[in-house]
Amino acid sequence: MESDTTFRRIKPFGTQNYVAQDNDGSRDRGADNGYNGDPKKKPEVSLYLLREGLAASLVSVFILVLWGLVHLSLQQLVIGKPSGDFNAVRARQHLEKITSVGPRPVGSHENEVLTVGYLLEQIENIRVETAAGPHKVTVDVQRPTGTFSIDFLGGFTSFYDRVTNIAVRLEPKSGSQHFMLANCHFDTVANSPGASDDAVSCAVMLEVLHSLANQSTPLLHGVVFLFNGAEENILQASHGFITQHPWAKQVRAFINLEAAGVGGKEVVFQTGPENPWLVQAYVQAAKHPFASVVGQEVFQSGIIPSDTDFRIYRDFGNIPGIDLAFIENGFIYHTKYDTADRILTDSIQRAGDNILAVLKYLVNSEKLADSSEYRHGNMVFYDLLGVFVVAYPARVGTILNYMVATATFLYLAKKASMPGNGGGRYVRELACATGVAVLSWVVTLLSVLILALLVTLLGRSMFWYNHFYASICLYGAAATGKMVLIHTLAKNLYYGGVRLVELGDLYFDVSLLLWCCSLVWLTQQGLCSAYVPMLMVAFPLATRLLLAREFKNRGASLKYSALYLLGLGLPYVHFMFLIWVVFEIFTPIMGRSGTEIPPEVVMATLVTLATIFLSSFFLHFIYLARSTKWILAGLASIFVVTFLMMSCGFLFPYSASPESPRPKRVFLQHTTRTFHNLQGQVESRDSGLWINSFDYTGIQHITPHIPDINDSIRTICREDRPFCGYPWFLPVKFLSKKNWYLPAPEVSPSSPVEFSLLSREETSWGTVKMTFSVKGPSHMSLYLMPHRGAGFSTWSFGDGTPQFDLSGEYFVFYSRGLDAPSWTFWFEIQPPRDPDPSGPEGMISVAISTHYFFGQDSRTAQLEEVLRRFPSWAFPSSWVSTYDMYRY
């Protein structure tokens, strides 16, 4: 390579007195990185290059130690001895009692009677026990009816009737005008006992209520404890409380307790909007902090297909809050395995300690009375291995980020201005090396994605679902090996005449520059997550400056390498914790993301990106090492062995292990479908088992066990029928386009749906108003499909304006509690001016599906027979449904 000064490589052996000859016969200095030395002063120096085995060992030990620290911190649920204010043993008794009744869908006896009865009994016991104290406890059972629209799962409208809320008001006997709200939900999805989601939170709240009510000193403000009975029905009960309950007007902020996994630590994953005083309260009060603004920004981006009551209180109540959730072991979230015995008592203790301490802090804070004064601004917050939380205002973070970026650019500018770097030589070398680094990333990502495609074509998708580290061994080894190979080729071929020590220094600068660019970009976007690249720039830069003399005098000595890695320890251990969070969330999500998202692409991308980010400040070790051939050989061996195991089927995705189940999720509905024509006559009618696999593997692993379920019975979407003519419980057909329909006898529920058109009238403004009445089970879905040329003008749902047109269809979700009347609704539709002769007759197709989730109506002999044939590693969630379509 030609440059202002001609360089020669250091000979590949250990410590040496190095004296290099330039083309003109003068001596060149070997330890000054080729950029900042005095060209007239070139003394002989001793330099080290890393032995290959030592380099690999140092990096491997560094990564393994930090990964071990991350896992050690996760297992340390409770730090120090409990104060005794929160009794986890009593909370566990509540948890076991609530879950002992089994699944608790909205409308079921278990949810509306047994669980409500138990909660009211325990609340009454607390009220009586604390009657002589300085606080008073008031209980109100609310059964609201309402409707709203929400842009979740593509967007739909929700209608609820007489769902259940138990609101408990704790305040000083003198009364209070300002309240905190603590929210949990006791209902569950069908076929899951819901210990973690969300019975444990309600158990914790009962015990927190008990502790606060027993305080001898009166609270400054009050607390409303809301035990809501309809969250799994897409946030209905919280909407009923915050929009209709008279106590809601006095709520100033809230804490929401949720779950996206089973057990472990509860993490603060979103706060606000704005109101930084809430984060400050958590930081100051929580005894076992666990929080991340990165999680907040990822969750609110919509990448994760989930939502919580936080959204309802924020959007409909306009109040700020803190959202906490259990995130570990999401493989068994919403399954039969979500049982009380899987939640450790220490997990309950830490959650109780935190919630109690934060609530106590907030209700005794003057800020709660006038929170609007402290509203503006966001907070940067993150914990370090659960030991303590770092938090500061976002505006301070912006200043800090730009200070670090400025220091980085000054460092690089100083190197560019050193003697020997005239004519922009250093800038050209830095730009060229940056191009090599970015090219290596792009080529690595593309190569691993091709590998992921090959795995998919081999029919081995999700092999890592039950063997997480197999994904690291396959995709991680491939990504690492590819990058090492590219940089080795660059070192030996492209940089054939440049000393290795100089290259090592240059590629450290490349890593620093790239992280600094990401820091500036994220800061300009206003993202609080910019603190991550700030850490990844500040600590390596400081470490490099402190070790400059050691590197200059001795090169890549053992002392330098060890201290260099030590300086990277703090940002790397935090970054590895974030990587753990990403995989802990997204790996289980791949098991319930439907049939359309290729999981190998997602997993391969995540592993590759993690490898790229983690390897960034190790790049210069490749150039400081004498050789990389054994490293490449080792990575190749790991890759080949893992690939052979995967391709031969030794890595099965699912497991029925009692200790660590990894179930395959399958939804089965025994349904009867009836289609009516424009004259109201039955056009066609059939019955069958409608089967949905909620992961990418479909039924390929089910067919060997149940040969009747195969691709010959795969369905075809009928575009002329609302939602393809099938009884979708939620509007998720875009996630699961592959489903199967096995013929079966008709279902005959004891309380069949009653659907009728009450009236049809033409308005003076040219629309047709149609009013309907429906009486059926606790869960129903209404599908509305105006034909081409027709369109809604108004309806009786939400705010009256039809919302969320899903490719020409509208979805309305209905649920009810006990003793609800018939569901009556109406809409106005503008008839088409020029009807489409090729489309369905009439102006609109209306379909109603019913879902029987509990009781005798939820089971049939055919369902039971098929369920018995499923393998033990599958979790088939089943119920009975009907689908009736009408043309008008």
Foldseek 3Di string as FASTA:
>chain_A
DDDPFFFFADPLDAKDFDWDAGPVGDTAADQPLLFFDDRVDHDTFIAGFDAQVRLVVLVVVLVVVLLVLLVVLLVCLADDDFPPLFDLVQLLVQLQQLLVLPAFAFFDCSQPPVNVVVLVVLLVVLQVVLVPAQKHKDKDKDFFWAKAKDCALLIFIETEGGFIKIKMKIFGPVAAQAEEEEEAESHADFAASCSVFPSSSVSLVSRLSSSQSPDRDGFQHMYMYMHGHDVVLPQPRLLRCCQPPPCNVRYAEYEYEGALAAATAKEFQAWDVFLAVLVVLLQVFQNQHAYAPVSNVVVVVCPANDDGNQCSCCPVVVHIYIYIYHQFHSLCVRFHLNGSVRYDSSRSSNVSRSVSRSNSSVRNDPCRVPVVVRGDFDKGWGDQSRPHMDIDTLVVVLVLLVVLLVVLVVVLVVSCPHPSNPPVNLVVVLVVVLVLLVVLLVVLLVVLLVVLVVLVVLLLAQLCLVPVCLLCLALVLSSVLSSLVSLQCCVCPVVVGHYLLSLLVSLLSSLLVVLSVVLVVCVVVVRSVSVLSSLVNVQLVVLCVVCVVVCSRYNPDPVSSNSSSVSCNRSVSRVVSVLVSVCSNVSSVLLQQAQPDRVSSVSSNSSNVSSSNNCSNVSSSSSSYSDCVVVSVVSVVSNVVSVVCSSVPVRHNFDLDSVRGNFFEKEWAFEKEFEAAQVRHTPDIFTWIKMFGRHNSTCPVVCVLPVLDDPVQWDDQDPLAFPSRDFDLDSNCVRYVTIGTRGDDHADFPFDKDKDWPDWDADPVQKIKTKMWIDDAFWKKKKKAFAPQKDWDFWDHHPTGDDSCPVRMHMYIYGYYPPGDIDMMMTIMHAGPDGDPVHGPAGMKMKMKDWDSDDPQFDDPVVVVVVVSGDSRHRYRGGYMYMYMYHD
